[in-house]
Each structure stands twice: as C-alpha cells, then as structure tokens.
PDB file of N, CA and C in Angstrom:
ATOM      1  N   MET A   1       7.635   9.677  -6.097  1.00  0.00           N
ATOM      2  CA  MET A   1       6.917   8.987  -7.019  1.00  0.00           C
ATOM      3  C   MET A   1       5.389   9.531  -6.225  1.00  0.00           C
ATOM      4  N   THR A   2       4.514   9.275  -6.750  1.00  0.00           N
ATOM      5  CA  THR A   2       3.131   9.423  -6.332  1.00  0.00           C
ATOM      6  C   THR A   2       2.602   8.212  -6.066  1.00  0.00           C
ATOM      7  N   VAL A   3       1.551   8.157  -5.107  1.00  0.00           N
ATOM      8  CA  VAL A   3       1.042   7.112  -4.934  1.00  0.00           C
ATOM      9  C   VAL A   3       0.237   6.167  -6.307  1.00  0.00           C
ATOM     10  N   CYS A   4      -0.428   7.400  -7.181  1.00  0.00           N
ATOM     11  CA  CYS A   4      -0.791   6.800  -8.497  1.00  0.00           C
ATOM     12  C   CYS A   4       0.022   6.101  -9.621  1.00  0.00           C
ATOM     13  N   GLU A   5       1.419   6.727  -9.688  1.00  0.00           N
ATOM     14  CA  GLU A   5       2.581   6.389 -10.174  1.00  0.00           C
ATOM     15  C   GLU A   5       2.479   5.142  -9.635  1.00  0.00           C
ATOM     16  N   LEU A   6       2.646   4.567  -8.433  1.00  0.00           N
ATOM     17  CA  LEU A   6       3.235   3.297  -7.932  1.00  0.00           C
ATOM     18  C   LEU A   6       1.937   2.460  -8.565  1.00  0.00           C
ATOM     19  N   LEU A   7       1.037   3.034  -8.093  1.00  0.00           N
ATOM     20  CA  LEU A   7      -0.041   1.990  -8.486  1.00  0.00           C
ATOM     21  C   LEU A   7      -0.479   1.504 -10.026  1.00  0.00           C
ATOM     22  N   ARG A   8      -0.269   2.300 -10.587  1.00  0.00           N
ATOM     23  CA  ARG A   8       0.239   2.221 -12.090  1.00  0.00           C
ATOM     24  C   ARG A   8       0.783   0.483 -12.533  1.00  0.00           C
ATOM     25  N   ALA A   9       2.206   0.631 -11.757  1.00  0.00           N
ATOM     26  CA  ALA A   9       3.183  -0.479 -12.219  1.00  0.00           C
ATOM     27  C   ALA A   9       3.778  -0.914 -10.932  1.00  0.00           C
ATOM     28  N   PRO A  10       2.805  -1.081 -10.043  1.00  0.00           N
ATOM     29  CA  PRO A  10       3.700  -1.664  -8.687  1.00  0.00           C
ATOM     30  C   PRO A  10       4.673  -2.814  -8.930  1.00  0.00           C
ATOM     31  N   SER A  11       4.542  -3.941  -9.517  1.00  0.00           N
ATOM     32  CA  SER A  11       5.633  -4.693 -10.190  1.00  0.00           C
ATOM     33  C   SER A  11       6.853  -4.491 -10.478  1.00  0.00           C
ATOM     34  N   LYS A  12       7.048  -3.213 -10.916  1.00  0.00           N
ATOM     35  CA  LYS A  12       8.302  -2.609 -11.320  1.00  0.00           C
ATOM     36  C   LYS A  12       9.062  -2.494  -9.827  1.00  0.00           C
ATOM     37  N   PHE A  13       8.739  -2.262  -8.643  1.00  0.00           N
ATOM     38  CA  PHE A  13       9.094  -1.879  -7.521  1.00  0.00           C
ATOM     39  C   PHE A  13       9.336  -2.910  -6.608  1.00  0.00           C
ATOM     40  N   ASN A  14       9.170  -4.153  -7.014  1.00  0.00           N
ATOM     41  CA  ASN A  14       9.112  -5.380  -6.140  1.00  0.00           C
ATOM     42  C   ASN A  14      10.592  -5.490  -5.412  1.00  0.00           C
ATOM     43  N   GLY A  15      10.786  -5.385  -4.177  1.00  0.00           N
ATOM     44  CA  GLY A  15      11.879  -5.594  -3.342  1.00  0.00           C
ATOM     45  C   GLY A  15      12.622  -4.291  -3.732  1.00  0.00           C
ATOM     46  N   LYS A  16      12.474  -3.252  -3.755  1.00  0.00           N
ATOM     47  CA  LYS A  16      12.824  -2.278  -4.077  1.00  0.00           C
ATOM     48  C   LYS A  16      12.228  -1.031  -2.764  1.00  0.00           C
ATOM     49  N   ARG A  17      13.090  -0.352  -2.153  1.00  0.00           N
ATOM     50  CA  ARG A  17      12.417   0.682  -1.458  1.00  0.00           C
ATOM     51  C   ARG A  17      12.405   1.946  -2.083  1.00  0.00           C
ATOM     52  N   ILE A  18      11.500   2.692  -1.890  1.00  0.00           N
ATOM     53  CA  ILE A  18      10.973   3.637  -2.580  1.00  0.00           C
ATOM     54  C   ILE A  18      10.458   5.017  -1.749  1.00  0.00           C
ATOM     55  N   ALA A  19      10.227   6.329  -2.170  1.00  0.00           N
ATOM     56  CA  ALA A  19       9.441   7.012  -1.482  1.00  0.00           C
ATOM     57  C   ALA A  19       8.063   7.230  -2.136  1.00  0.00           C
ATOM     58  N   VAL A  20       7.140   7.204  -1.653  1.00  0.00           N
ATOM     59  CA  VAL A  20       6.151   7.788  -2.210  1.00  0.00           C
ATOM     60  C   VAL A  20       5.137   8.824  -1.621  1.00  0.00           C
ATOM     61  N   ARG A  21       4.558   9.738  -2.062  1.00  0.00           N
ATOM     62  CA  ARG A  21       3.835  10.813  -1.322  1.00  0.00           C
ATOM     63  C   ARG A  21       2.681  10.576  -2.011  1.00  0.00           C
ATOM     64  N   GLY A  22       1.663  11.530  -1.012  1.00  0.00           N
ATOM     65  CA  GLY A  22       0.084  11.357  -0.964  1.00  0.00           C
ATOM     66  C   GLY A  22      -0.259  11.823   0.180  1.00  0.00           C
ATOM     67  N   LEU A  23      -1.651  11.963   0.360  1.00  0.00           N
ATOM     68  CA  LEU A  23      -1.926  12.663   1.414  1.00  0.00           C
ATOM     69  C   LEU A  23      -2.610  11.723   2.441  1.00  0.00           C
ATOM     70  N   THR A  24      -2.362  11.675   3.730  1.00  0.00           N
ATOM     71  CA  THR A  24      -2.695  10.473   4.523  1.00  0.00           C
ATOM     72  C   THR A  24      -4.149  10.665   4.819  1.00  0.00           C
ATOM     73  N   THR A  25      -4.915   9.459   5.001  1.00  0.00           N
ATOM     74  CA  THR A  25      -6.387   9.704   5.420  1.00  0.00           C
ATOM     75  C   THR A  25      -6.683   8.461   6.415  1.00  0.00           C
ATOM     76  N   SER A  26      -7.547   8.525   7.160  1.00  0.00           N
ATOM     77  CA  SER A  26      -8.134   7.281   7.548  1.00  0.00           C
ATOM     78  C   SER A  26      -9.717   6.952   7.621  1.00  0.00           C
ATOM     79  N   TYR A  27      -9.609   5.631   7.747  1.00  0.00           N
ATOM     80  CA  TYR A  27     -11.029   4.905   7.829  1.00  0.00           C
ATOM     81  C   TYR A  27     -10.910   4.161   8.801  1.00  0.00           C
ATOM     82  N   GLU A  28     -12.285   3.371   8.796  1.00  0.00           N
ATOM     83  CA  GLU A  28     -12.223   2.381  10.022  1.00  0.00           C
ATOM     84  C   GLU A  28     -11.448   1.325   9.932  1.00  0.00           C
ATOM     85  N   HIS A  29     -10.855   0.913   8.954  1.00  0.00           N
ATOM     86  CA  HIS A  29      -9.836  -0.269   8.894  1.00  0.00           C
ATOM     87  C   HIS A  29      -8.638   0.273   9.047  1.00  0.00           C
ATOM     88  N   GLY A  30      -8.094   1.772   9.419  1.00  0.00           N
ATOM     89  CA  GLY A  30      -6.665   2.060   9.663  1.00  0.00           C
ATOM     90  C   GLY A  30      -6.094   3.217   8.821  1.00  0.00           C
ATOM     91  N   GLN A  31      -5.166   3.679   8.614  1.00  0.00           N
ATOM     92  CA  GLN A  31      -4.654   4.502   7.826  1.00  0.00           C
ATOM     93  C   GLN A  31      -4.504   4.199   6.723  1.00  0.00           C
ATOM     94  N   TYR A  32      -4.076   5.017   5.878  1.00  0.00           N
ATOM     95  CA  TYR A  32      -3.737   5.451   4.206  1.00  0.00           C
ATOM     96  C   TYR A  32      -3.042   6.490   3.810  1.00  0.00           C
ATOM     97  N   LEU A  33      -2.092   6.157   2.709  1.00  0.00           N
ATOM     98  CA  LEU A  33      -1.681   7.026   1.541  1.00  0.00           C
ATOM     99  C   LEU A  33      -2.502   6.994   0.405  1.00  0.00           C
ATOM    100  N   ALA A  34      -3.207   8.281   0.173  1.00  0.00           N
ATOM    101  CA  ALA A  34      -3.958   8.176  -0.885  1.00  0.00           C
ATOM    102  C   ALA A  34      -3.496   9.175  -2.027  1.00  0.00           C
ATOM    103  N   GLY A  35      -4.049   8.720  -3.433  1.00  0.00           N
ATOM    104  CA  GLY A  35      -3.375   9.497  -4.508  1.00  0.00           C
ATOM    105  C   GLY A  35      -4.248  10.439  -4.828  1.00  0.00           C
ATOM    106  N   GLU A  36      -4.071  11.484  -5.391  1.00  0.00           N
ATOM    107  CA  GLU A  36      -4.857  12.437  -5.451  1.00  0.00           C
ATOM    108  C   GLU A  36      -4.930  12.305  -7.115  1.00  0.00           C
ATOM    109  N   GLU A  37      -6.060  12.433  -7.587  1.00  0.00           N
ATOM    110  CA  GLU A  37      -6.851  12.251  -9.033  1.00  0.00           C
ATOM    111  C   GLU A  37      -6.140  11.356 -10.028  1.00  0.00           C
ATOM    112  N   CYS A  38      -6.049  10.253  -9.589  1.00  0.00           N
ATOM    113  CA  CYS A  38      -5.588   9.107 -10.434  1.00  0.00           C
ATOM    114  C   CYS A  38      -6.550   8.772 -11.451  1.00  0.00           C
ATOM    115  N   GLU A  39      -6.103   9.097 -12.663  1.00  0.00           N
ATOM    116  CA  GLU A  39      -7.167   8.729 -13.529  1.00  0.00           C
ATOM    117  C   GLU A  39      -7.209   7.596 -14.286  1.00  0.00           C
ATOM    118  N   THR A  40      -6.134   7.000 -14.396  1.00  0.00           N
ATOM    119  CA  THR A  40      -6.339   5.607 -15.088  1.00  0.00           C
ATOM    120  C   THR A  40      -5.738   4.638 -13.785  1.00  0.00           C
ATOM    121  N   LEU A  41      -6.049   3.846 -13.143  1.00  0.00           N
ATOM    122  CA  LEU A  41      -5.630   2.505 -12.370  1.00  0.00           C
ATOM    123  C   LEU A  41      -5.887   1.388 -13.300  1.00  0.00           C
ATOM    124  N   PRO A  42      -4.907   0.428 -13.362  1.00  0.00           N
ATOM    125  CA  PRO A  42      -5.008  -0.730 -13.719  1.00  0.00           C
ATOM    126  C   PRO A  42      -6.574  -1.392 -13.126  1.00  0.00           C
ATOM    127  N   LEU A  43      -7.322  -2.118 -13.815  1.00  0.00           N
ATOM    128  CA  LEU A  43      -8.138  -3.028 -12.952  1.00  0.00           C
ATOM    129  C   LEU A  43      -7.805  -4.322 -12.807  1.00  0.00           C
ATOM    130  N   THR A  44      -7.859  -4.874 -11.846  1.00  0.00           N
ATOM    131  CA  THR A  44      -7.878  -6.318 -11.323  1.00  0.00           C
ATOM    132  C   THR A  44      -8.997  -6.984 -10.958  1.00  0.00           C
ATOM    133  N   ALA A  45      -8.857  -8.217 -11.689  1.00  0.00           N
ATOM    134  CA  ALA A  45     -10.184  -8.924 -11.830  1.00  0.00           C
ATOM    135  C   ALA A  45     -11.389  -8.433 -12.168  1.00  0.00           C
ATOM    136  N   GLY A  46     -11.287  -7.152 -12.927  1.00  0.00           N
ATOM    137  CA  GLY A  46     -12.406  -6.342 -13.432  1.00  0.00           C
ATOM    138  C   GLY A  46     -13.035  -5.536 -12.553  1.00  0.00           C
ATOM    139  N   ARG A  47     -12.111  -5.191 -11.558  1.00  0.00           N
ATOM    140  CA  ARG A  47     -12.709  -4.619 -10.047  1.00  0.00           C
ATOM    141  C   ARG A  47     -11.904  -3.191 -10.268  1.00  0.00           C
ATOM    142  N   ASP A  48     -12.273  -1.741 -10.318  1.00  0.00           N
ATOM    143  CA  ASP A  48     -11.379  -0.491  -9.618  1.00  0.00           C
ATOM    144  C   ASP A  48     -11.640  -0.747  -8.388  1.00  0.00           C
ATOM    145  N   TRP A  49      -9.906  -0.521  -8.455  1.00  0.00           N
ATOM    146  CA  TRP A  49      -9.595  -0.507  -6.617  1.00  0.00           C
ATOM    147  C   TRP A  49      -9.254   1.137  -6.478  1.00  0.00           C
ATOM    148  N   PRO A  50      -9.695   1.669  -5.159  1.00  0.00           N
ATOM    149  CA  PRO A  50      -9.067   2.872  -5.144  1.00  0.00           C
ATOM    150  C   PRO A  50      -7.879   3.290  -4.478  1.00  0.00           C
ATOM    151  N   ALA A  51      -7.245   4.260  -5.004  1.00  0.00           N
ATOM    152  CA  ALA A  51      -5.843   4.980  -5.238  1.00  0.00           C
ATOM    153  C   ALA A  51      -5.441   5.005  -3.906  1.00  0.00           C
ATOM    154  N   LEU A  52      -5.046   3.884  -2.931  1.00  0.00           N
ATOM    155  CA  LEU A  52      -4.807   3.740  -1.378  1.00  0.00           C
ATOM    156  C   LEU A  52      -3.769   3.074  -1.046  1.00  0.00           C
ATOM    157  N   ILE A  53      -2.777   3.297  -0.313  1.00  0.00           N
ATOM    158  CA  ILE A  53      -2.412   2.320   0.273  1.00  0.00           C
ATOM    159  C   ILE A  53      -1.978   2.280   1.673  1.00  0.00           C
ATOM    160  N   TRP A  54      -2.157   1.013   2.211  1.00  0.00           N
ATOM    161  CA  TRP A  54      -2.392   0.678   3.763  1.00  0.00           C
ATOM    162  C   TRP A  54      -0.856   1.164   4.654  1.00  0.00           C
ATOM    163  N   ILE A  55      -1.199   1.990   5.533  1.00  0.00           N
ATOM    164  CA  ILE A  55      -0.036   2.460   6.168  1.00  0.00           C
ATOM    165  C   ILE A  55       0.264   1.553   7.531  1.00  0.00           C
ATOM    166  N   VAL A  56       1.033   0.799   7.722  1.00  0.00           N
ATOM    167  CA  VAL A  56       1.485  -0.420   8.759  1.00  0.00           C
ATOM    168  C   VAL A  56       2.464   0.070   9.530  1.00  0.00           C
ATOM    169  N   ARG A  57       2.230   0.280  11.012  1.00  0.00           N
ATOM    170  CA  ARG A  57       2.780   0.774  11.842  1.00  0.00           C
ATOM    171  C   ARG A  57       3.196   0.064  12.756  1.00  0.00           C
ATOM    172  N   GLY A  58       3.293  -1.669  12.424  1.00  0.00           N
ATOM    173  CA  GLY A  58       3.691  -2.707  13.242  1.00  0.00           C
ATOM    174  C   GLY A  58       2.848  -4.011  13.121  1.00  0.00           C
ATOM    175  N   ASP A  59       3.446  -5.212  13.445  1.00  0.00           N
ATOM    176  CA  ASP A  59       2.843  -6.341  13.213  1.00  0.00           C
ATOM    177  C   ASP A  59       1.317  -6.584  13.940  1.00  0.00           C
ATOM    178  N   LYS A  60       1.199  -5.653  14.653  1.00  0.00           N
ATOM    179  CA  LYS A  60      -0.200  -6.054  15.498  1.00  0.00           C
ATOM    180  C   LYS A  60      -1.364  -5.447  14.201  1.00  0.00           C
ATOM    181  N   GLN A  61      -1.108  -4.636  13.623  1.00  0.00           N
ATOM    182  CA  GLN A  61      -2.155  -4.626  12.441  1.00  0.00           C
ATOM    183  C   GLN A  61      -2.212  -5.491  11.522  1.00  0.00           C
ATOM    184  N   PHE A  62      -0.959  -5.987  11.239  1.00  0.00           N
ATOM    185  CA  PHE A  62      -1.209  -7.552  10.545  1.00  0.00           C
ATOM    186  C   PHE A  62      -2.342  -8.256  10.890  1.00  0.00           C
ATOM    187  N   ARG A  63      -1.828  -8.624  12.597  1.00  0.00           N
ATOM    188  CA  ARG A  63      -2.300  -9.777  13.104  1.00  0.00           C
ATOM    189  C   ARG A  63      -4.172  -9.448  13.006  1.00  0.00           C
ATOM    190  N   GLN A  64      -4.118  -8.029  13.295  1.00  0.00           N
ATOM    191  CA  GLN A  64      -5.607  -7.757  13.423  1.00  0.00           C
ATOM    192  C   GLN A  64      -6.536  -7.901  12.055  1.00  0.00           C
ATOM    193  N   ARG A  65      -5.967  -8.057  11.410  1.00  0.00           N
ATOM    194  CA  ARG A  65      -6.601  -8.478  10.027  1.00  0.00           C
ATOM    195  C   ARG A  65      -6.372  -9.740   9.434  1.00  0.00           C
ATOM    196  N   GLY A  66      -6.224 -10.641  10.087  1.00  0.00           N
ATOM    197  CA  GLY A  66      -5.537 -12.309  10.548  1.00  0.00           C
ATOM    198  C   GLY A  66      -4.456 -12.458   9.611  1.00  0.00           C
ATOM    199  N   VAL A  67      -3.418 -11.461   9.386  1.00  0.00           N
ATOM    200  CA  VAL A  67      -2.613 -11.626   8.315  1.00  0.00           C
ATOM    201  C   VAL A  67      -1.277 -11.886   9.053  1.00  0.00           C
ATOM    202  N   ASP A  68      -0.116 -13.056   8.572  1.00  0.00           N
ATOM    203  CA  ASP A  68       1.040 -13.207   9.525  1.00  0.00           C
ATOM    204  C   ASP A  68       2.092 -12.318   8.891  1.00  0.00           C
ATOM    205  N   PRO A  69       2.433 -11.497   9.228  1.00  0.00           N
ATOM    206  CA  PRO A  69       3.412 -10.420   8.731  1.00  0.00           C
ATOM    207  C   PRO A  69       4.799 -10.873   8.769  1.00  0.00           C
ATOM    208  N   ALA A  70       5.367 -12.317   8.952  1.00  0.00           N
ATOM    209  CA  ALA A  70       6.139 -12.571   9.057  1.00  0.00           C
ATOM    210  C   ALA A  70       7.478 -12.203   7.456  1.00  0.00           C
ATOM    211  N   GLY A  71       6.658 -12.357   6.736  1.00  0.00           N
ATOM    212  CA  GLY A  71       7.307 -12.576   5.291  1.00  0.00           C
ATOM    213  C   GLY A  71       7.423 -10.979   4.876  1.00  0.00           C
ATOM    214  N   PHE A  72       6.640 -10.269   5.181  1.00  0.00           N
ATOM    215  CA  PHE A  72       6.917  -8.560   5.006  1.00  0.00           C
ATOM    216  C   PHE A  72       7.855  -8.149   6.029  1.00  0.00           C
ATOM    217  N   LEU A  73       7.673  -8.435   7.169  1.00  0.00           N
ATOM    218  CA  LEU A  73       8.908  -7.861   7.823  1.00  0.00           C
ATOM    219  C   LEU A  73      10.206  -8.332   7.753  1.00  0.00           C
ATOM    220  N   ALA A  74      10.215  -9.894   7.475  1.00  0.00           N
ATOM    221  CA  ALA A  74      11.553 -10.329   6.919  1.00  0.00           C
ATOM    222  C   ALA A  74      12.292  -9.412   5.772  1.00  0.00           C
ATOM    223  N   ALA A  75      10.968  -9.177   4.706  1.00  0.00           N
ATOM    224  CA  ALA A  75      11.439  -8.707   3.128  1.00  0.00           C
ATOM    225  C   ALA A  75      12.053  -7.412   3.585  1.00  0.00           C
ATOM    226  N   ASN A  76      11.437  -6.834   4.708  1.00  0.00           N
ATOM    227  CA  ASN A  76      11.927  -4.910   4.790  1.00  0.00           C
ATOM    228  C   ASN A  76      12.772  -5.231   5.659  1.00  0.00           C
ATOM    229  N   SER A  77      13.365  -6.264   6.666  1.00  0.00           N
ATOM    230  CA  SER A  77      14.248  -6.146   7.577  1.00  0.00           C
ATOM    231  C   SER A  77      13.657  -5.406   8.388  1.00  0.00           C
ATOM    232  N   ILE A  78      12.363  -5.263   9.039  1.00  0.00           N
ATOM    233  CA  ILE A  78      12.006  -4.842  10.224  1.00  0.00           C
ATOM    234  C   ILE A  78      11.600  -5.526  11.209  1.00  0.00           C
ATOM    235  N   GLN A  79      12.295  -5.937  12.280  1.00  0.00           N
ATOM    236  CA  GLN A  79      12.176  -6.509  13.455  1.00  0.00           C
ATOM    237  C   GLN A  79      11.763  -5.825  14.665  1.00  0.00           C
TER     238      GLN A  79
END
C-alpha cells in the first residue's frame, strides 16, 4: 500500500504488519517515508499533517526525541 492509503485509515492496520511504499526523504529531525500527491488526508485536531511516516532505525532515535521505545519495540518484537 502507499503512504497515502495508510494515512487515510491508520487504525485499520493497528497490530498488523504491512508493507508501505513511498519516497524516502530526510529532514533535520530524521528520515521519513513520504507519500506522493496525497489529495485527501484526514485532519487531526483541525490541522493538516504532511504525508510522512517516520523511519526509526533503533531505540536511540526514540530517546533522542524524549520517547520511551519500550512499548513500540515490544509490540513489534524488536529487541
């Protein structure tokens, strides 16, 4: 599926392993998978969000943002 398809209904995929295709891009805060030409993404709290998925390559990246990676890593069996 594309980044755009995933971001239109992300809760449908909770707890599932999926394959997502997009373009890799880097910004000052890290590397992301970007959607191409996402026309209608749902608003969250009245805000438009970019069609980006953060690519995490280890728990160090979580900690750099002040996030505890334990829950994510356990849910995805990443040790």
